[in-house]
Protein backbone atom coordinates (compact mmCIF):
# COMPACT_ATOMS: atom_id res chain seq x y z
CA MET A 1 49.83 206.42 -31.11
CA ASN A 2 53.30 206.54 -30.33
CA ARG A 3 53.71 204.62 -27.54
CA PRO A 4 56.73 205.44 -24.58
CA ALA A 5 59.85 202.33 -25.20
CA ALA A 6 60.66 200.80 -21.95
CA ALA A 7 64.22 201.45 -22.29
CA ARG A 8 64.02 205.10 -21.86
CA SER A 9 62.13 204.66 -19.34
CA ALA A 10 60.43 207.84 -20.03
CA VAL A 11 57.10 208.82 -18.01
CA PRO A 12 54.06 208.42 -20.07
CA SER A 13 51.54 211.12 -20.71
CA LEU A 14 48.15 209.58 -19.56
CA ARG A 15 46.36 211.32 -22.65
CA GLN A 16 48.68 209.50 -25.12
CA PHE A 17 46.29 206.38 -24.29
CA ARG A 18 43.50 205.68 -27.26
CA ARG A 19 41.60 202.82 -24.71
CA ILE A 20 41.41 203.07 -20.80
CA VAL A 21 41.10 200.59 -17.75
CA VAL A 22 40.04 202.64 -14.46
CA LYS A 23 40.69 199.81 -11.37
CA VAL A 24 38.50 201.31 -8.62
CA GLY A 25 38.62 198.82 -4.71
CA SER A 26 36.48 199.30 -1.87
CA SER A 27 38.19 201.25 -0.01
CA LEU A 28 38.53 204.63 -2.29
CA LEU A 29 34.37 203.90 -2.50
CA VAL A 30 33.02 202.78 0.20
CA ASP A 31 33.67 204.80 3.42
CA ARG A 32 34.73 202.77 6.18
CA GLU A 33 33.03 203.64 9.49
CA ARG A 34 29.56 204.26 7.64
CA GLY A 35 29.75 201.79 5.34
CA ARG A 36 28.13 204.56 2.37
CA LEU A 37 29.50 205.51 -0.82
CA LYS A 38 31.73 208.70 -1.41
CA HIS A 39 29.21 210.72 -3.48
CA ALA A 40 31.37 213.48 -3.61
CA TRP A 41 34.50 211.75 -4.86
CA LEU A 42 32.46 209.15 -7.44
CA ALA A 43 31.22 212.50 -9.13
CA ALA A 44 35.20 214.03 -9.13
CA LEU A 45 36.06 210.62 -10.63
CA ALA A 46 33.28 210.37 -13.74
CA GLU A 47 34.04 213.39 -13.91
CA ASP A 48 37.68 212.80 -15.06
CA ILE A 49 36.38 210.02 -17.00
CA GLY A 50 34.30 211.74 -19.29
CA ASN A 51 37.23 214.40 -19.71
CA LEU A 52 39.23 211.22 -21.28
CA HIS A 53 35.54 209.97 -22.95
CA GLY A 54 36.04 213.18 -24.37
CA THR A 55 38.78 213.29 -26.15
CA GLY A 56 37.93 209.69 -27.45
CA ALA A 57 39.50 207.76 -25.49
CA ASP A 58 37.14 204.74 -24.94
CA VAL A 59 37.25 203.93 -20.61
CA ILE A 60 36.66 200.83 -18.78
CA VAL A 61 35.81 200.63 -15.24
CA VAL A 62 36.47 198.03 -12.86
CA SER A 63 35.26 198.15 -9.73
CA SER A 64 34.87 196.56 -6.02
CA GLY A 65 32.53 197.66 -3.64
CA ALA A 66 29.00 195.55 -3.77
CA ILE A 67 29.88 193.19 -0.90
CA ALA A 68 30.50 196.74 1.28
CA LEU A 69 27.51 198.73 -0.14
CA GLY A 70 25.71 195.38 0.10
CA ARG A 71 26.45 193.93 4.20
CA THR A 72 25.99 197.82 5.58
CA VAL A 73 22.26 197.34 3.77
CA LEU A 74 22.00 194.03 5.27
CA ASP A 75 23.06 195.40 8.34
CA MET A 76 25.79 192.27 8.74
CA PRO A 77 27.96 192.27 11.50
CA LYS A 78 32.11 194.14 10.63
CA GLY A 79 34.95 191.26 10.18
CA VAL A 80 35.15 188.73 8.29
CA LEU A 81 32.05 187.28 6.37
CA LYS A 82 31.17 183.88 5.36
CA LEU A 83 30.84 182.96 1.71
CA GLU A 84 27.59 182.12 1.71
CA GLU A 85 26.70 186.02 3.37
CA SER A 86 29.27 187.96 1.53
CA GLN A 87 27.68 186.43 -2.05
CA ALA A 88 24.47 187.51 -0.61
CA ALA A 89 25.34 190.70 -0.03
CA ALA A 90 26.68 191.18 -3.40
CA ALA A 91 23.91 190.45 -4.59
CA VAL A 92 22.01 193.29 -2.74
CA GLY A 93 25.43 195.92 -3.52
CA GLN A 94 25.56 195.17 -6.60
CA ILE A 95 22.73 196.85 -7.80
CA ALA A 96 23.01 199.53 -5.87
CA LEU A 97 26.89 200.06 -7.27
CA ALA A 98 25.91 199.68 -10.43
CA ARG A 99 22.92 202.82 -9.75
CA SER A 100 25.44 205.14 -8.46
CA TRP A 101 28.42 204.31 -11.61
CA ALA A 102 25.19 205.23 -13.55
CA GLU A 103 24.33 207.99 -12.30
CA ALA A 104 27.39 209.61 -11.54
CA LEU A 105 28.57 208.69 -14.91
CA GLY A 106 24.76 210.26 -16.48
CA HIS A 107 25.72 213.50 -15.32
CA GLN A 108 28.56 213.79 -17.79
CA GLY A 109 26.55 212.21 -20.94
CA ILE A 110 27.69 208.86 -20.95
CA THR A 111 25.90 205.51 -21.38
CA THR A 112 26.80 202.84 -18.77
CA GLY A 113 26.95 199.24 -19.10
CA GLN A 114 26.82 196.65 -16.15
CA ILE A 115 29.07 193.31 -17.11
CA LEU A 116 29.68 190.53 -14.64
CA VAL A 117 33.03 188.03 -14.47
CA THR A 118 33.94 185.10 -13.10
CA LEU A 119 37.29 183.64 -13.65
CA GLY A 120 36.27 180.90 -16.45
CA ASP A 121 35.41 184.69 -17.86
CA THR A 122 38.76 185.00 -18.88
CA GLU A 123 39.88 182.35 -18.53
CA GLU A 124 38.12 179.16 -20.36
CA ARG A 125 38.37 180.89 -24.66
CA ARG A 126 34.85 180.31 -25.81
CA ARG A 127 33.69 182.67 -23.01
CA TYR A 128 36.60 184.94 -23.21
CA LEU A 129 35.07 185.11 -26.75
CA ASN A 130 31.94 186.73 -25.63
CA ALA A 131 33.23 188.39 -22.84
CA ARG A 132 36.34 190.18 -25.55
CA ALA A 133 32.72 191.04 -28.22
CA THR A 134 30.22 192.29 -25.04
CA LEU A 135 32.90 194.98 -24.46
CA GLY A 136 33.73 196.05 -27.45
CA ARG A 137 30.44 196.20 -28.44
CA LEU A 138 29.71 198.75 -25.86
CA MET A 139 32.68 200.67 -26.91
CA GLU A 140 31.66 200.66 -29.96
CA LEU A 141 29.05 202.52 -29.04
CA ARG A 142 30.41 204.63 -26.67
CA ALA A 143 29.71 203.48 -23.67
CA VAL A 144 31.17 202.72 -20.99
CA PRO A 145 31.17 199.20 -19.52
CA VAL A 146 31.48 199.00 -15.57
CA VAL A 147 33.00 194.99 -14.64
CA ASN A 148 33.10 193.70 -11.24
CA GLU A 149 33.83 190.13 -10.26
CA ASN A 150 30.37 188.37 -9.76
CA ASP A 151 30.44 187.64 -6.44
CA THR A 152 27.36 186.42 -6.03
CA VAL A 153 27.89 183.01 -7.62
CA ALA A 154 31.66 183.19 -7.19
CA THR A 155 33.39 180.68 -5.11
CA SER A 156 36.36 180.76 -2.89
CA GLU A 157 38.22 178.23 -5.23
CA ILE A 158 37.66 180.40 -8.23
CA ARG A 159 37.30 183.76 -7.29
CA TYR A 160 39.98 186.02 -8.00
CA GLY A 161 40.15 187.12 -3.81
CA ASP A 162 41.13 190.80 -5.58
CA ASN A 163 40.09 193.15 -8.48
CA ASP A 164 44.27 193.73 -9.18
CA ARG A 165 44.19 190.77 -11.22
CA LEU A 166 40.92 190.63 -12.89
CA ALA A 167 41.54 194.24 -14.06
CA ALA A 168 44.13 193.21 -15.85
CA ARG A 169 42.86 190.11 -17.01
CA VAL A 170 40.01 192.59 -18.48
CA ALA A 171 42.83 195.15 -19.49
CA THR A 172 44.45 192.27 -21.61
CA MET A 173 40.45 190.42 -22.93
CA ALA A 174 39.86 194.12 -24.19
CA GLY A 175 43.26 194.79 -25.39
CA ALA A 176 43.76 197.91 -23.90
CA ASP A 177 46.96 199.60 -24.14
CA LEU A 178 46.76 200.58 -20.18
CA LEU A 179 45.71 199.84 -16.71
CA VAL A 180 44.89 202.58 -14.34
CA LEU A 181 45.36 200.61 -9.92
CA LEU A 182 44.01 202.81 -8.93
CA SER A 183 44.90 202.31 -4.85
CA ASP A 184 45.11 203.59 -0.51
CA ILE A 185 48.60 204.39 -1.97
CA ASP A 186 50.62 206.25 -4.04
CA GLY A 187 52.95 204.14 -6.04
CA LEU A 188 55.08 200.99 -5.60
CA TYR A 189 58.30 201.77 -2.26
CA THR A 190 61.60 200.25 -1.54
CA ALA A 191 60.19 199.54 1.47
CA PRO A 192 57.18 199.83 3.49
CA PRO A 193 56.80 203.40 3.77
CA GLN A 194 54.38 202.70 6.50
CA SER A 195 57.17 201.72 8.99
CA ASP A 196 60.78 202.29 6.38
CA PRO A 197 60.92 205.92 6.97
CA GLU A 198 63.75 205.60 4.22
CA ALA A 199 61.06 203.81 2.11
CA THR A 200 61.33 205.78 -1.35
CA LEU A 201 59.03 205.72 -4.55
CA ILE A 202 59.71 204.29 -7.91
CA PRO A 203 58.47 206.15 -10.83
CA VAL A 204 58.90 204.31 -13.74
CA VAL A 205 59.89 199.84 -12.86
CA PRO A 206 61.08 199.02 -17.37
CA ARG A 207 60.33 195.52 -16.25
CA ILE A 208 59.02 193.92 -13.12
CA THR A 209 62.66 191.86 -11.73
CA ALA A 210 62.54 189.31 -8.27
CA LYS A 211 64.46 192.12 -6.64
CA ILE A 212 61.25 194.21 -8.27
CA GLU A 213 58.79 191.72 -6.60
CA ALA A 214 60.38 191.26 -3.54
CA MET A 215 59.44 194.90 -2.66
CA ALA A 216 55.86 194.17 -2.43
CA GLY A 217 53.91 193.73 0.62
CA GLY A 218 50.63 192.14 2.02
CA ALA A 219 47.03 193.51 2.12
CA ALA A 220 46.63 197.25 3.47
CA SER A 221 42.87 197.31 4.67
CA GLU A 222 39.84 195.43 5.82
CA LEU A 223 37.25 196.80 2.66
CA SER A 224 40.46 195.73 0.15
CA ARG A 225 41.33 192.39 -0.90
CA GLY A 226 43.76 193.49 -2.60
CA GLY A 227 48.12 194.65 -1.69
CA MET A 228 50.94 195.50 -3.21
CA ARG A 229 51.59 191.86 -3.96
CA THR A 230 48.37 191.86 -5.86
CA LYS A 231 49.33 194.58 -7.63
CA ILE A 232 52.69 193.56 -8.69
CA GLU A 233 50.52 190.28 -10.51
CA ALA A 234 48.44 192.29 -12.06
CA ALA A 235 51.32 194.16 -13.22
CA LYS A 236 53.37 191.29 -14.79
CA ILE A 237 49.19 190.33 -16.48
CA ALA A 238 49.16 194.08 -17.89
CA THR A 239 52.96 193.81 -19.07
CA ALA A 240 52.82 190.34 -20.46
CA GLY A 241 49.89 191.42 -22.53
CA GLY A 242 50.84 194.51 -24.30
CA THR A 243 49.54 196.77 -21.73
CA HIS A 244 50.81 199.95 -19.46
CA MET A 245 50.11 199.92 -15.67
CA VAL A 246 49.91 202.46 -13.58
CA ILE A 247 49.55 202.71 -9.31
CA ALA A 248 48.45 205.71 -8.47
CA ASP A 249 46.70 207.15 -5.03
CA GLY A 250 42.87 207.51 -5.36
CA ARG A 251 42.14 208.93 -2.70
CA VAL A 252 42.13 212.19 -3.72
CA LYS A 253 39.95 213.63 -5.30
CA ASN A 254 40.48 214.32 -9.80
CA PRO A 255 42.77 211.12 -9.63
CA LEU A 256 43.07 210.37 -13.18
CA GLY A 257 43.61 214.64 -13.27
CA ALA A 258 46.27 213.84 -10.74
CA ILE A 259 48.22 211.45 -12.69
CA ALA A 260 48.02 213.61 -15.94
CA GLY A 261 49.31 216.24 -14.38
CA GLY A 262 52.44 214.66 -13.07
CA ALA A 263 51.39 214.21 -9.28
CA ARG A 264 53.35 211.27 -7.50
CA CYS A 265 52.65 207.64 -9.56
CA THR A 266 54.80 204.19 -10.11
CA TRP A 267 54.68 202.98 -14.25
CA PHE A 268 54.61 199.75 -15.46
CA LEU A 269 56.11 200.00 -18.44
CA THR A 270 55.73 197.23 -20.85
CA PRO A 271 57.37 196.84 -24.45
CA SER A 272 55.08 195.01 -26.72
CA ASN A 273 51.73 196.05 -27.69
CA PRO A 274 48.43 194.34 -27.37
CA VAL A 275 47.83 193.60 -30.13
CA ALA A 276 51.26 192.08 -30.55
CA ALA A 277 50.85 190.44 -27.33
CA ARG A 278 47.55 188.67 -28.57
CA LYS A 279 49.21 187.92 -31.99
CA LYS A 280 51.95 185.83 -30.01
CA TRP A 281 50.13 184.26 -27.87
CA ILE A 282 47.52 182.94 -30.13
CA ALA A 283 50.86 182.28 -32.98
CA GLY A 284 52.48 179.96 -29.79
CA ALA A 285 50.84 179.43 -26.72
CA LEU A 286 47.62 177.64 -27.71
CA GLU A 287 48.04 174.23 -29.04
CA PRO A 288 45.23 174.09 -32.13
CA ARG A 289 42.72 171.83 -32.64
CA GLY A 290 41.82 171.84 -36.22
CA VAL A 291 42.81 172.96 -39.56
CA LEU A 292 40.49 174.86 -41.99
CA HIS A 293 41.47 174.69 -45.49
CA LEU A 294 40.80 178.29 -47.36
CA ASP A 295 41.05 179.04 -50.90
CA ALA A 296 42.92 181.27 -53.24
CA GLY A 297 40.79 183.79 -52.80
CA ALA A 298 40.18 183.72 -48.38
CA ALA A 299 44.36 183.40 -48.83
CA ARG A 300 44.92 186.50 -50.30
CA ALA A 301 42.57 188.24 -47.85
CA ILE A 302 43.71 187.53 -45.42
CA ARG A 303 47.42 188.13 -46.00
CA ALA A 304 45.62 191.81 -46.44
CA GLY A 305 44.23 192.08 -42.58
CA LYS A 306 40.81 190.75 -43.72
CA SER A 307 38.76 188.53 -41.36
CA LEU A 308 38.30 184.39 -42.47
CA LEU A 309 34.69 184.50 -43.33
CA PRO A 310 32.90 181.06 -44.55
CA ALA A 311 32.93 181.80 -47.86
CA GLY A 312 36.73 181.48 -48.12
CA VAL A 313 36.78 178.31 -46.32
CA ALA A 314 36.84 174.87 -48.59
CA LYS A 315 37.93 172.62 -46.01
CA VAL A 316 37.48 171.73 -42.53
CA GLU A 317 39.72 169.72 -40.49
CA GLY A 318 39.76 167.99 -36.74
CA GLU A 319 36.52 168.32 -33.23
CA PHE A 320 37.17 171.79 -31.92
CA ASP A 321 34.87 174.05 -30.14
CA ARG A 322 33.88 177.86 -30.50
CA GLY A 323 37.53 179.99 -29.55
CA ASP A 324 39.58 177.38 -30.08
CA ALA A 325 43.06 177.67 -32.21
CA VAL A 326 43.38 176.14 -35.90
CA VAL A 327 45.01 176.12 -38.48
CA LEU A 328 45.01 178.06 -41.60
CA ARG A 329 45.72 176.72 -44.28
CA ALA A 330 46.61 177.52 -48.03
CA PRO A 331 45.20 175.72 -50.92
CA ASP A 332 49.01 174.28 -51.27
CA GLY A 333 48.92 173.56 -47.58
CA GLY A 334 50.97 175.85 -46.39
CA GLU A 335 50.36 177.63 -43.07
CA LEU A 336 49.27 180.42 -43.40
CA GLY A 337 48.81 181.65 -39.43
CA ARG A 338 46.63 180.32 -36.86
CA GLY A 339 43.23 181.59 -35.05
CA LEU A 340 40.35 181.31 -32.46
CA VAL A 341 37.30 180.26 -34.48
CA ALA A 342 34.04 181.41 -34.27
CA TYR A 343 32.48 178.55 -34.46
CA ASP A 344 32.28 175.13 -33.02
CA SER A 345 33.51 172.12 -36.26
CA ARG A 346 30.12 170.76 -36.84
CA HIS A 347 29.11 174.39 -37.83
CA ALA A 348 31.54 175.41 -39.41
CA ALA A 349 31.40 171.93 -41.41
CA LEU A 350 27.56 173.20 -42.45
CA ILE A 351 28.72 177.22 -44.00
CA VAL A 352 31.97 176.39 -45.43
CA GLY A 353 31.49 177.86 -49.03
CA ARG A 354 28.84 179.74 -47.96
CA SER A 355 28.07 183.22 -47.11
CA SER A 356 27.76 184.93 -44.04
CA ARG A 357 23.78 185.88 -45.21
CA ASP A 358 23.18 182.37 -45.15
CA ILE A 359 24.12 181.74 -41.55
CA GLU A 360 21.01 182.26 -39.98
CA GLY A 361 19.30 180.41 -42.40
CA ILE A 362 21.31 176.98 -41.93
CA LEU A 363 22.39 177.14 -38.57
CA GLY A 364 18.95 178.26 -37.05
CA TYR A 365 21.29 181.44 -35.21
CA ALA A 366 22.67 184.24 -36.04
CA GLY A 367 26.15 183.99 -36.07
CA ARG A 368 29.22 185.84 -36.22
CA ALA A 369 29.80 187.57 -40.24
CA GLU A 370 33.19 186.22 -39.55
CA MET A 371 34.69 182.38 -39.34
CA VAL A 372 38.03 183.93 -37.55
CA HIS A 373 37.81 187.74 -36.99
CA ARG A 374 41.36 188.90 -37.65
CA ASP A 375 42.02 190.41 -34.42
CA ASP A 376 42.08 186.54 -33.43
CA MET A 377 44.74 185.93 -36.32
CA ALA A 378 47.81 185.84 -35.76
CA LEU A 379 49.97 185.50 -39.88
CA ALA A 380 53.45 182.87 -40.37
CA ALA A 381 56.02 184.85 -41.93
CA GLU A 382 56.19 184.66 -45.59
CA GLY A 383 59.40 183.17 -47.05
């Protein structure tokens, strides 16, 4: 894909992206007065998703709405809910929400998979790898994952507090090249447009500066926990991970089609891409917990872009957990690169030098074929 260059501040085209995360807020999905799902709006959005899916793009949905739907079913009063009330509402609402997405996308011939996540699933590397693998497999099977924060178990201390930042974390975890935040505003303005008639829309943000951050306001509605401030925070997470982001008006029918047609919105550009940003994170931001010593064949293979298999590992050094960063060393001791290891040090030591076919017989479970997958590997520059 020819990615847009931040330096040109060009407005990208929706159809040029191969993996897209679409975030949908409660205020878009749920009628505030009745507390009911907006079925016609959801059907139109599902049509948009079906159009993108039909071009071969991968689509992930990050959806709010479980608490808003559940509190209606349980006839809870309006206003702020206690933590246990929110969790109870979510437990009921998640069923209705998942069913609604499955039915809407099913009319487009698309299978839906539900994924409930908490903060730890994107912050702790072992759980991050599990969630990332699940997302990847669903998309390989041409299903659309629908992700939501697991409000039934999240607490006030660990919850995201809004799905904008959750969507940004999911986008970087999944290697998405675009995050779409459908909102009740059509983009970032120079000032709050509700109070300043002179405020103007900013169509493209090549880089998030202190001035851009200062333009953010507060939360907009009772049903939505987010606001422009959290959207800017989401943009910082997304663009740092190599993902472009767009804020667009989701109140219109077929909102993704509107973006594709040139509707008013704000694009946040990144000079990187998901793969390069991830490799940079692995290479420089994580402290290695161990070392994998490779044989000559494995060293040649990973230099050629292959994953590291257990058969190519000669020795394991150090103590590490699954998902930790490890150093990959050539037979002469030189550092070949770093990667996120798929086994802890105890299990890794048991399968070194062995075929991937032998893993289940040795460990008693069918683990990953790769010790370090090429997508979880950053090679050192040769020279």
